[in-house]
Amino acid sequence: GPEKTKRRREIENLVINDPGFQHEDLNFLSRSERYDA
C-alpha cells in the first residue's frame, strides 16, 4: 500500500541521512576493522 511505501521511505531517509551510518568502503578494511565498524 502507498502508506507503507511512504513510511518505508521516511525510515530509509532517517538512516541514509544519519552521519552515524556513514563509513569508508568495507571492501578496503581488515576483518577486525569490519567487525568493529
PDB file of all heavy atoms in Angstrom:
ATOM      1  N   GLY A   1       0.819  -1.211   0.000  1.00  0.00           N
ATOM      2  CA  GLY A   1       0.000   0.000   0.000  1.00  0.00           C
ATOM      3  C   GLY A   1       0.846   1.251   0.000  1.00  0.00           C
ATOM      4  O   GLY A   1       2.002   1.243   0.438  1.00  0.00           O
ATOM      5  N   PRO A   2       0.283   2.384  -0.494  1.00  0.00           N
ATOM      6  CA  PRO A   2       1.054   3.635  -0.584  1.00  0.00           C
ATOM      7  C   PRO A   2       1.520   4.169   0.758  1.00  0.00           C
ATOM      8  O   PRO A   2       2.597   4.758   0.855  1.00  0.00           O
ATOM      9  CB  PRO A   2       0.080   4.609  -1.273  1.00  0.00           C
ATOM     10  CG  PRO A   2      -1.273   3.978  -1.159  1.00  0.00           C
ATOM     11  CD  PRO A   2      -1.059   2.511  -1.086  1.00  0.00           C
ATOM     12  N   GLU A   3       0.731   3.951   1.806  1.00  0.00           N
ATOM     13  CA  GLU A   3       1.137   4.437   3.126  1.00  0.00           C
ATOM     14  C   GLU A   3       2.382   3.705   3.625  1.00  0.00           C
ATOM     15  O   GLU A   3       3.269   4.312   4.238  1.00  0.00           O
ATOM     16  CB  GLU A   3      -0.016   4.288   4.124  1.00  0.00           C
ATOM     17  CG  GLU A   3      -1.151   5.262   3.903  1.00  0.00           C
ATOM     18  CD  GLU A   3      -0.677   6.718   3.940  1.00  0.00           C
ATOM     19  OE1 GLU A   3       0.084   7.069   4.867  1.00  0.00           O
ATOM     20  OE2 GLU A   3      -1.057   7.490   3.035  1.00  0.00           O
ATOM     21  N   LYS A   4       2.449   2.404   3.336  1.00  0.00           N
ATOM     22  CA  LYS A   4       3.630   1.644   3.753  1.00  0.00           C
ATOM     23  C   LYS A   4       4.856   2.066   2.948  1.00  0.00           C
ATOM     24  O   LYS A   4       5.974   2.116   3.483  1.00  0.00           O
ATOM     25  CB  LYS A   4       3.367   0.148   3.607  1.00  0.00           C
ATOM     26  CG  LYS A   4       2.412  -0.394   4.664  1.00  0.00           C
ATOM     27  CD  LYS A   4       2.401  -1.904   4.701  1.00  0.00           C
ATOM     28  CE  LYS A   4       1.522  -2.404   5.847  1.00  0.00           C
ATOM     29  NZ  LYS A   4       1.500  -3.879   5.951  1.00  0.00           N
ATOM     30  N   THR A   5       4.654   2.366   1.660  1.00  0.00           N
ATOM     31  CA  THR A   5       5.776   2.863   0.855  1.00  0.00           C
ATOM     32  C   THR A   5       6.281   4.184   1.418  1.00  0.00           C
ATOM     33  O   THR A   5       7.499   4.388   1.572  1.00  0.00           O
ATOM     34  CB  THR A   5       5.343   3.057  -0.608  1.00  0.00           C
ATOM     35  OG1 THR A   5       4.944   1.803  -1.160  1.00  0.00           O
ATOM     36  CG2 THR A   5       6.487   3.626  -1.445  1.00  0.00           C
ATOM     37  N   LYS A   6       5.353   5.067   1.734  1.00  0.00           N
ATOM     38  CA  LYS A   6       5.723   6.374   2.281  1.00  0.00           C
ATOM     39  C   LYS A   6       6.494   6.225   3.584  1.00  0.00           C
ATOM     40  O   LYS A   6       7.549   6.855   3.776  1.00  0.00           O
ATOM     41  CB  LYS A   6       4.461   7.214   2.504  1.00  0.00           C
ATOM     42  CG  LYS A   6       4.731   8.596   3.080  1.00  0.00           C
ATOM     43  CD  LYS A   6       3.433   9.348   3.341  1.00  0.00           C
ATOM     44  CE  LYS A   6       3.704  10.703   3.983  1.00  0.00           C
ATOM     45  NZ  LYS A   6       2.432  11.413   4.323  1.00  0.00           N
ATOM     46  N   ARG A   7       5.996   5.367   4.473  1.00  0.00           N
ATOM     47  CA  ARG A   7       6.653   5.205   5.767  1.00  0.00           C
ATOM     48  C   ARG A   7       8.017   4.540   5.609  1.00  0.00           C
ATOM     49  O   ARG A   7       8.980   4.923   6.281  1.00  0.00           O
ATOM     50  CB  ARG A   7       5.755   4.370   6.690  1.00  0.00           C
ATOM     51  CG  ARG A   7       6.326   4.163   8.082  1.00  0.00           C
ATOM     52  CD  ARG A   7       6.625   5.475   8.783  1.00  0.00           C
ATOM     53  NE  ARG A   7       7.101   5.268  10.138  1.00  0.00           N
ATOM     54  CZ  ARG A   7       7.841   6.134  10.820  1.00  0.00           C
ATOM     55  NH1 ARG A   7       8.188   7.285  10.249  1.00  0.00           N
ATOM     56  NH2 ARG A   7       8.224   5.879  12.053  1.00  0.00           N
ATOM     57  N   ARG A   8       8.098   3.547   4.717  1.00  0.00           N
ATOM     58  CA  ARG A   8       9.399   2.897   4.476  1.00  0.00           C
ATOM     59  C   ARG A   8      10.422   3.913   4.011  1.00  0.00           C
ATOM     60  O   ARG A   8      11.574   3.929   4.495  1.00  0.00           O
ATOM     61  CB  ARG A   8       9.252   1.784   3.432  1.00  0.00           C
ATOM     62  CG  ARG A   8      10.590   1.185   2.993  1.00  0.00           C
ATOM     63  CD  ARG A   8      10.433   0.061   1.993  1.00  0.00           C
ATOM     64  NE  ARG A   8       9.729   0.440   0.792  1.00  0.00           N
ATOM     65  CZ  ARG A   8      10.261   1.150  -0.212  1.00  0.00           C
ATOM     66  NH1 ARG A   8      11.514   1.566  -0.143  1.00  0.00           N
ATOM     67  NH2 ARG A   8       9.559   1.447  -1.280  1.00  0.00           N
ATOM     68  N   ARG A   9      10.041   4.778   3.097  1.00  0.00           N
ATOM     69  CA  ARG A   9      10.977   5.776   2.581  1.00  0.00           C
ATOM     70  C   ARG A   9      11.362   6.791   3.651  1.00  0.00           C
ATOM     71  O   ARG A   9      12.512   7.251   3.697  1.00  0.00           O
ATOM     72  CB  ARG A   9      10.360   6.483   1.364  1.00  0.00           C
ATOM     73  CG  ARG A   9      10.291   5.588   0.124  1.00  0.00           C
ATOM     74  CD  ARG A   9       9.519   6.253  -0.995  1.00  0.00           C
ATOM     75  NE  ARG A   9       9.537   5.437  -2.209  1.00  0.00           N
ATOM     76  CZ  ARG A   9       8.772   5.666  -3.260  1.00  0.00           C
ATOM     77  NH1 ARG A   9       7.906   6.676  -3.256  1.00  0.00           N
ATOM     78  NH2 ARG A   9       8.850   4.885  -4.321  1.00  0.00           N
ATOM     79  N   GLU A  10      10.421   7.145   4.502  1.00  0.00           N
ATOM     80  CA  GLU A  10      10.740   8.058   5.608  1.00  0.00           C
ATOM     81  C   GLU A  10      11.813   7.445   6.507  1.00  0.00           C
ATOM     82  O   GLU A  10      12.772   8.123   6.913  1.00  0.00           O
ATOM     83  CB  GLU A  10       9.480   8.352   6.434  1.00  0.00           C
ATOM     84  CG  GLU A  10       8.470   9.250   5.747  1.00  0.00           C
ATOM     85  CD  GLU A  10       7.182   9.382   6.548  1.00  0.00           C
ATOM     86  OE1 GLU A  10       7.032   8.656   7.574  1.00  0.00           O
ATOM     87  OE2 GLU A  10       6.320  10.185   6.160  1.00  0.00           O
ATOM     88  N   ILE A  11      11.653   6.161   6.817  1.00  0.00           N
ATOM     89  CA  ILE A  11      12.611   5.474   7.686  1.00  0.00           C
ATOM     90  C   ILE A  11      13.961   5.339   6.987  1.00  0.00           C
ATOM     91  O   ILE A  11      15.020   5.536   7.605  1.00  0.00           O
ATOM     92  CB  ILE A  11      12.049   4.108   8.106  1.00  0.00           C
ATOM     93  CG1 ILE A  11      10.844   4.314   9.037  1.00  0.00           C
ATOM     94  CG2 ILE A  11      13.113   3.259   8.798  1.00  0.00           C
ATOM     95  CD1 ILE A  11      10.070   3.046   9.353  1.00  0.00           C
ATOM     96  N   GLU A  12      13.936   5.008   5.704  1.00  0.00           N
ATOM     97  CA  GLU A  12      15.192   4.916   4.957  1.00  0.00           C
ATOM     98  C   GLU A  12      15.939   6.242   4.960  1.00  0.00           C
ATOM     99  O   GLU A  12      17.172   6.276   5.116  1.00  0.00           O
ATOM    100  CB  GLU A  12      14.907   4.473   3.518  1.00  0.00           C
ATOM    101  CG  GLU A  12      14.512   3.013   3.400  1.00  0.00           C
ATOM    102  CD  GLU A  12      14.079   2.616   1.999  1.00  0.00           C
ATOM    103  OE1 GLU A  12      13.996   3.508   1.123  1.00  0.00           O
ATOM    104  OE2 GLU A  12      13.823   1.428   1.767  1.00  0.00           O
ATOM    105  N   ASN A  13      15.205   7.339   4.821  1.00  0.00           N
ATOM    106  CA  ASN A  13      15.847   8.664   4.841  1.00  0.00           C
ATOM    107  C   ASN A  13      16.483   8.956   6.192  1.00  0.00           C
ATOM    108  O   ASN A  13      17.553   9.584   6.265  1.00  0.00           O
ATOM    109  CB  ASN A  13      14.823   9.752   4.492  1.00  0.00           C
ATOM    110  CG  ASN A  13      14.547   9.840   3.002  1.00  0.00           C
ATOM    111  OD1 ASN A  13      15.424   9.572   2.192  1.00  0.00           O
ATOM    112  ND2 ASN A  13      13.329  10.204   2.638  1.00  0.00           N
ATOM    113  N   LEU A  14      15.823   8.525   7.270  1.00  0.00           N
ATOM    114  CA  LEU A  14      16.402   8.724   8.599  1.00  0.00           C
ATOM    115  C   LEU A  14      17.788   8.092   8.684  1.00  0.00           C
ATOM    116  O   LEU A  14      18.717   8.656   9.271  1.00  0.00           O
ATOM    117  CB  LEU A  14      15.493   8.114   9.671  1.00  0.00           C
ATOM    118  CG  LEU A  14      14.182   8.828  10.002  1.00  0.00           C
ATOM    119  CD1 LEU A  14      13.389   8.010  11.009  1.00  0.00           C
ATOM    120  CD2 LEU A  14      14.442  10.235  10.537  1.00  0.00           C
ATOM    121  N   VAL A  15      17.913   6.899   8.114  1.00  0.00           N
ATOM    122  CA  VAL A  15      19.184   6.173   8.177  1.00  0.00           C
ATOM    123  C   VAL A  15      20.203   6.767   7.218  1.00  0.00           C
ATOM    124  O   VAL A  15      21.352   7.043   7.598  1.00  0.00           O
ATOM    125  CB  VAL A  15      18.965   4.681   7.852  1.00  0.00           C
ATOM    126  CG1 VAL A  15      20.298   3.933   7.879  1.00  0.00           C
ATOM    127  CG2 VAL A  15      18.000   4.056   8.840  1.00  0.00           C
ATOM    128  N   ILE A  16      19.804   6.954   5.960  1.00  0.00           N
ATOM    129  CA  ILE A  16      20.749   7.378   4.920  1.00  0.00           C
ATOM    130  C   ILE A  16      21.314   8.768   5.197  1.00  0.00           C
ATOM    131  O   ILE A  16      22.474   9.056   4.891  1.00  0.00           O
ATOM    132  CB  ILE A  16      20.054   7.312   3.542  1.00  0.00           C
ATOM    133  CG1 ILE A  16      19.841   5.834   3.155  1.00  0.00           C
ATOM    134  CG2 ILE A  16      20.871   8.028   2.462  1.00  0.00           C
ATOM    135  CD1 ILE A  16      18.934   5.628   1.972  1.00  0.00           C
ATOM    136  N   ASN A  17      20.512   9.626   5.833  1.00  0.00           N
ATOM    137  CA  ASN A  17      20.975  10.986   6.133  1.00  0.00           C
ATOM    138  C   ASN A  17      21.641  11.106   7.500  1.00  0.00           C
ATOM    139  O   ASN A  17      21.995  12.202   7.937  1.00  0.00           O
ATOM    140  CB  ASN A  17      19.797  11.966   6.055  1.00  0.00           C
ATOM    141  CG  ASN A  17      19.218  12.045   4.653  1.00  0.00           C
ATOM    142  OD1 ASN A  17      19.947  11.955   3.666  1.00  0.00           O
ATOM    143  ND2 ASN A  17      17.902  12.205   4.553  1.00  0.00           N
ATOM    144  N   ASP A  18      21.821   9.975   8.185  1.00  0.00           N
ATOM    145  CA  ASP A  18      22.417   9.971   9.528  1.00  0.00           C
ATOM    146  C   ASP A  18      23.932   9.805   9.401  1.00  0.00           C
ATOM    147  O   ASP A  18      24.409   8.780   8.908  1.00  0.00           O
ATOM    148  CB  ASP A  18      21.824   8.819  10.332  1.00  0.00           C
ATOM    149  CG  ASP A  18      22.236   8.842  11.799  1.00  0.00           C
ATOM    150  OD1 ASP A  18      23.318   9.385  12.109  1.00  0.00           O
ATOM    151  OD2 ASP A  18      21.487   8.307  12.636  1.00  0.00           O
ATOM    152  N   PRO A  19      24.719  10.786   9.856  1.00  0.00           N
ATOM    153  CA  PRO A  19      26.188  10.668   9.773  1.00  0.00           C
ATOM    154  C   PRO A  19      26.730   9.436  10.505  1.00  0.00           C
ATOM    155  O   PRO A  19      27.799   8.929  10.162  1.00  0.00           O
ATOM    156  CB  PRO A  19      26.690  11.960  10.436  1.00  0.00           C
ATOM    157  CG  PRO A  19      25.534  12.907  10.355  1.00  0.00           C
ATOM    158  CD  PRO A  19      24.304  12.066  10.441  1.00  0.00           C
ATOM    159  N   GLY A  20      25.991   8.944  11.493  1.00  0.00           N
ATOM    160  CA  GLY A  20      26.443   7.782  12.248  1.00  0.00           C
ATOM    161  C   GLY A  20      26.509   6.512  11.429  1.00  0.00           C
ATOM    162  O   GLY A  20      27.145   5.542  11.841  1.00  0.00           O
ATOM    163  N   PHE A  21      25.858   6.504  10.276  1.00  0.00           N
ATOM    164  CA  PHE A  21      25.872   5.314   9.422  1.00  0.00           C
ATOM    165  C   PHE A  21      26.765   5.487   8.190  1.00  0.00           C
ATOM    166  O   PHE A  21      26.745   4.662   7.292  1.00  0.00           O
ATOM    167  CB  PHE A  21      24.452   4.945   8.989  1.00  0.00           C
ATOM    168  CG  PHE A  21      23.605   4.425  10.108  1.00  0.00           C
ATOM    169  CD1 PHE A  21      22.555   5.176  10.611  1.00  0.00           C
ATOM    170  CD2 PHE A  21      23.876   3.196  10.686  1.00  0.00           C
ATOM    171  CE1 PHE A  21      21.775   4.707  11.657  1.00  0.00           C
ATOM    172  CE2 PHE A  21      23.106   2.713  11.735  1.00  0.00           C
ATOM    173  CZ  PHE A  21      22.055   3.473  12.223  1.00  0.00           C
ATOM    174  N   GLN A  22      27.536   6.560   8.160  1.00  0.00           N
ATOM    175  CA  GLN A  22      28.470   6.751   7.054  1.00  0.00           C
ATOM    176  C   GLN A  22      29.808   6.106   7.425  1.00  0.00           C
ATOM    177  O   GLN A  22      30.227   6.137   8.570  1.00  0.00           O
ATOM    178  CB  GLN A  22      28.687   8.248   6.771  1.00  0.00           C
ATOM    179  CG  GLN A  22      27.391   9.037   6.595  1.00  0.00           C
ATOM    180  CD  GLN A  22      26.475   8.442   5.537  1.00  0.00           C
ATOM    181  OE1 GLN A  22      26.941   8.108   4.449  1.00  0.00           O
ATOM    182  NE2 GLN A  22      25.201   8.318   5.856  1.00  0.00           N
ATOM    183  N   HIS A  23      30.473   5.529   6.432  1.00  0.00           N
ATOM    184  CA  HIS A  23      31.764   4.906   6.702  1.00  0.00           C
ATOM    185  C   HIS A  23      32.496   4.665   5.399  1.00  0.00           C
ATOM    186  O   HIS A  23      31.924   4.757   4.309  1.00  0.00           O
ATOM    187  CB  HIS A  23      31.596   3.577   7.437  1.00  0.00           C
ATOM    188  CG  HIS A  23      30.788   2.570   6.662  1.00  0.00           C
ATOM    189  ND1 HIS A  23      31.294   1.871   5.592  1.00  0.00           N
ATOM    190  CD2 HIS A  23      29.510   2.156   6.805  1.00  0.00           C
ATOM    191  CE1 HIS A  23      30.359   1.076   5.108  1.00  0.00           C
ATOM    192  NE2 HIS A  23      29.277   1.229   5.821  1.00  0.00           N
ATOM    193  N   GLU A  24      33.774   4.369   5.530  1.00  0.00           N
ATOM    194  CA  GLU A  24      34.518   4.033   4.327  1.00  0.00           C
ATOM    195  C   GLU A  24      34.116   2.652   3.836  1.00  0.00           C
ATOM    196  O   GLU A  24      33.529   1.858   4.559  1.00  0.00           O
ATOM    197  CB  GLU A  24      36.019   4.088   4.593  1.00  0.00           C
ATOM    198  CG  GLU A  24      36.519   3.129   5.666  1.00  0.00           C
ATOM    199  CD  GLU A  24      38.008   3.288   5.930  1.00  0.00           C
ATOM    200  OE1 GLU A  24      38.786   3.066   4.991  1.00  0.00           O
ATOM    201  OE2 GLU A  24      38.372   3.631   7.065  1.00  0.00           O
ATOM    202  N   ASP A  25      34.417   2.379   2.578  1.00  0.00           N
ATOM    203  CA  ASP A  25      34.039   1.119   1.941  1.00  0.00           C
ATOM    204  C   ASP A  25      34.606  -0.064   2.721  1.00  0.00           C
ATOM    205  O   ASP A  25      35.811  -0.170   2.947  1.00  0.00           O
ATOM    206  CB  ASP A  25      34.566   1.108   0.506  1.00  0.00           C
ATOM    207  CG  ASP A  25      33.907   0.032  -0.338  1.00  0.00           C
ATOM    208  OD1 ASP A  25      33.802  -1.104   0.146  1.00  0.00           O
ATOM    209  OD2 ASP A  25      33.510   0.341  -1.472  1.00  0.00           O
ATOM    210  N   LEU A  26      33.706  -0.980   3.140  1.00  0.00           N
ATOM    211  CA  LEU A  26      34.144  -2.136   3.918  1.00  0.00           C
ATOM    212  C   LEU A  26      35.099  -3.033   3.144  1.00  0.00           C
ATOM    213  O   LEU A  26      35.874  -3.787   3.742  1.00  0.00           O
ATOM    214  CB  LEU A  26      32.932  -2.958   4.367  1.00  0.00           C
ATOM    215  CG  LEU A  26      32.009  -2.325   5.414  1.00  0.00           C
ATOM    216  CD1 LEU A  26      30.848  -3.260   5.719  1.00  0.00           C
ATOM    217  CD2 LEU A  26      32.762  -2.004   6.693  1.00  0.00           C
ATOM    218  N   ASN A  27      35.029  -2.972   1.809  1.00  0.00           N
ATOM    219  CA  ASN A  27      35.907  -3.816   1.000  1.00  0.00           C
ATOM    220  C   ASN A  27      37.383  -3.520   1.246  1.00  0.00           C
ATOM    221  O   ASN A  27      38.240  -4.355   0.950  1.00  0.00           O
ATOM    222  CB  ASN A  27      35.592  -3.625  -0.484  1.00  0.00           C
ATOM    223  CG  ASN A  27      34.260  -4.242  -0.870  1.00  0.00           C
ATOM    224  OD1 ASN A  27      34.033  -5.420  -0.658  1.00  0.00           O
ATOM    225  ND2 ASN A  27      33.371  -3.436  -1.409  1.00  0.00           N
ATOM    226  N   PHE A  28      37.668  -2.333   1.762  1.00  0.00           N
ATOM    227  CA  PHE A  28      39.060  -1.932   1.953  1.00  0.00           C
ATOM    228  C   PHE A  28      39.492  -2.011   3.421  1.00  0.00           C
ATOM    229  O   PHE A  28      40.515  -1.451   3.810  1.00  0.00           O
ATOM    230  CB  PHE A  28      39.276  -0.512   1.424  1.00  0.00           C
ATOM    231  CG  PHE A  28      38.919  -0.358  -0.041  1.00  0.00           C
ATOM    232  CD1 PHE A  28      38.149   0.702  -0.478  1.00  0.00           C
ATOM    233  CD2 PHE A  28      39.350  -1.294  -0.973  1.00  0.00           C
ATOM    234  CE1 PHE A  28      37.818   0.834  -1.822  1.00  0.00           C
ATOM    235  CE2 PHE A  28      39.029  -1.163  -2.306  1.00  0.00           C
ATOM    236  CZ  PHE A  28      38.264  -0.103  -2.742  1.00  0.00           C
ATOM    237  N   LEU A  29      38.694  -2.715   4.259  1.00  0.00           N
ATOM    238  CA  LEU A  29      39.021  -2.869   5.677  1.00  0.00           C
ATOM    239  C   LEU A  29      39.408  -4.312   5.971  1.00  0.00           C
ATOM    240  O   LEU A  29      38.990  -5.249   5.284  1.00  0.00           O
ATOM    241  CB  LEU A  29      37.818  -2.485   6.546  1.00  0.00           C
ATOM    242  CG  LEU A  29      37.258  -1.072   6.414  1.00  0.00           C
ATOM    243  CD1 LEU A  29      36.095  -0.884   7.382  1.00  0.00           C
ATOM    244  CD2 LEU A  29      38.331  -0.021   6.667  1.00  0.00           C
ATOM    245  N   SER A  30      40.194  -4.500   7.041  1.00  0.00           N
ATOM    246  CA  SER A  30      40.510  -5.849   7.510  1.00  0.00           C
ATOM    247  C   SER A  30      39.280  -6.440   8.184  1.00  0.00           C
ATOM    248  O   SER A  30      38.311  -5.735   8.490  1.00  0.00           O
ATOM    249  CB  SER A  30      41.661  -5.804   8.518  1.00  0.00           C
ATOM    250  OG  SER A  30      41.235  -5.172   9.721  1.00  0.00           O
ATOM    251  N   ARG A  31      39.312  -7.756   8.486  1.00  0.00           N
ATOM    252  CA  ARG A  31      38.158  -8.387   9.122  1.00  0.00           C
ATOM    253  C   ARG A  31      37.892  -7.795  10.507  1.00  0.00           C
ATOM    254  O   ARG A  31      36.739  -7.529  10.884  1.00  0.00           O
ATOM    255  CB  ARG A  31      38.378  -9.898   9.241  1.00  0.00           C
ATOM    256  CG  ARG A  31      37.177 -10.564   9.884  1.00  0.00           C
ATOM    257  CD  ARG A  31      37.143 -12.062   9.781  1.00  0.00           C
ATOM    258  NE  ARG A  31      35.938 -12.505  10.477  1.00  0.00           N
ATOM    259  CZ  ARG A  31      35.930 -13.228  11.583  1.00  0.00           C
ATOM    260  NH1 ARG A  31      37.066 -13.659  12.107  1.00  0.00           N
ATOM    261  NH2 ARG A  31      34.799 -13.561  12.174  1.00  0.00           N
ATOM    262  N   SER A  32      38.947  -7.561  11.263  1.00  0.00           N
ATOM    263  CA  SER A  32      38.781  -6.986  12.589  1.00  0.00           C
ATOM    264  C   SER A  32      38.171  -5.590  12.500  1.00  0.00           C
ATOM    265  O   SER A  32      37.290  -5.228  13.292  1.00  0.00           O
ATOM    266  CB  SER A  32      40.125  -6.931  13.321  1.00  0.00           C
ATOM    267  OG  SER A  32      39.975  -6.385  14.612  1.00  0.00           O
ATOM    268  N   GLU A  33      38.598  -4.815  11.514  1.00  0.00           N
ATOM    269  CA  GLU A  33      38.049  -3.473  11.327  1.00  0.00           C
ATOM    270  C   GLU A  33      36.591  -3.535  10.899  1.00  0.00           C
ATOM    271  O   GLU A  33      35.772  -2.707  11.312  1.00  0.00           O
ATOM    272  CB  GLU A  33      38.874  -2.712  10.289  1.00  0.00           C
ATOM    273  CG  GLU A  33      40.266  -2.319  10.761  1.00  0.00           C
ATOM    274  CD  GLU A  33      41.146  -1.792   9.637  1.00  0.00           C
ATOM    275  OE1 GLU A  33      40.934  -2.201   8.463  1.00  0.00           O
ATOM    276  OE2 GLU A  33      42.050  -0.984   9.929  1.00  0.00           O
ATOM    277  N   ARG A  34      36.255  -4.533  10.076  1.00  0.00           N
ATOM    278  CA  ARG A  34      34.871  -4.679   9.636  1.00  0.00           C
ATOM    279  C   ARG A  34      33.972  -5.051  10.815  1.00  0.00           C
ATOM    280  O   ARG A  34      32.844  -4.540  10.940  1.00  0.00           O
ATOM    281  CB  ARG A  34      34.774  -5.731   8.525  1.00  0.00           C
ATOM    282  CG  ARG A  34      35.396  -5.286   7.220  1.00  0.00           C
ATOM    283  CD  ARG A  34      35.426  -6.383   6.177  1.00  0.00           C
ATOM    284  NE  ARG A  34      34.117  -6.613   5.595  1.00  0.00           N
ATOM    285  CZ  ARG A  34      33.900  -6.877   4.305  1.00  0.00           C
ATOM    286  NH1 ARG A  34      34.917  -6.938   3.463  1.00  0.00           N
ATOM    287  NH2 ARG A  34      32.682  -7.086   3.859  1.00  0.00           N
ATOM    288  N   TYR A  35      34.457  -5.944  11.675  1.00  0.00           N
ATOM    289  CA  TYR A  35      33.681  -6.318  12.860  1.00  0.00           C
ATOM    290  C   TYR A  35      33.472  -5.106  13.757  1.00  0.00           C
ATOM    291  O   TYR A  35      32.355  -4.839  14.233  1.00  0.00           O
ATOM    292  CB  TYR A  35      34.389  -7.438  13.627  1.00  0.00           C
ATOM    293  CG  TYR A  35      33.793  -7.709  14.990  1.00  0.00           C
ATOM    294  CD1 TYR A  35      32.556  -8.336  15.117  1.00  0.00           C
ATOM    295  CD2 TYR A  35      34.455  -7.309  16.156  1.00  0.00           C
ATOM    296  CE1 TYR A  35      31.995  -8.576  16.364  1.00  0.00           C
ATOM    297  CE2 TYR A  35      33.908  -7.540  17.407  1.00  0.00           C
ATOM    298  CZ  TYR A  35      32.674  -8.169  17.502  1.00  0.00           C
ATOM    299  OH  TYR A  35      32.120  -8.390  18.737  1.00  0.00           O
ATOM    300  N   ASP A  36      34.523  -4.337  13.964  1.00  0.00           N
ATOM    301  CA  ASP A  36      34.449  -3.140  14.810  1.00  0.00           C
ATOM    302  C   ASP A  36      33.430  -2.149  14.262  1.00  0.00           C
ATOM    303  O   ASP A  36      32.597  -1.600  15.000  1.00  0.00           O
ATOM    304  CB  ASP A  36      35.832  -2.496  14.906  1.00  0.00           C
ATOM    305  CG  ASP A  36      35.848  -1.318  15.859  1.00  0.00           C
ATOM    306  OD1 ASP A  36      36.027  -1.522  17.069  1.00  0.00           O
ATOM    307  OD2 ASP A  36      35.669  -0.171  15.382  1.00  0.00           O
ATOM    308  N   ALA A  37      33.486  -1.905  12.935  1.00  0.00           N
ATOM    309  CA  ALA A  37      32.562  -0.965  12.304  1.00  0.00           C
ATOM    310  C   ALA A  37      31.123  -1.452  12.421  1.00  0.00           C
ATOM    311  O   ALA A  37      30.195  -0.662  12.639  1.00  0.00           O
ATOM    312  CB  ALA A  37      32.940  -0.773  10.834  1.00  0.00           C
TER     313      ALA A  37
END
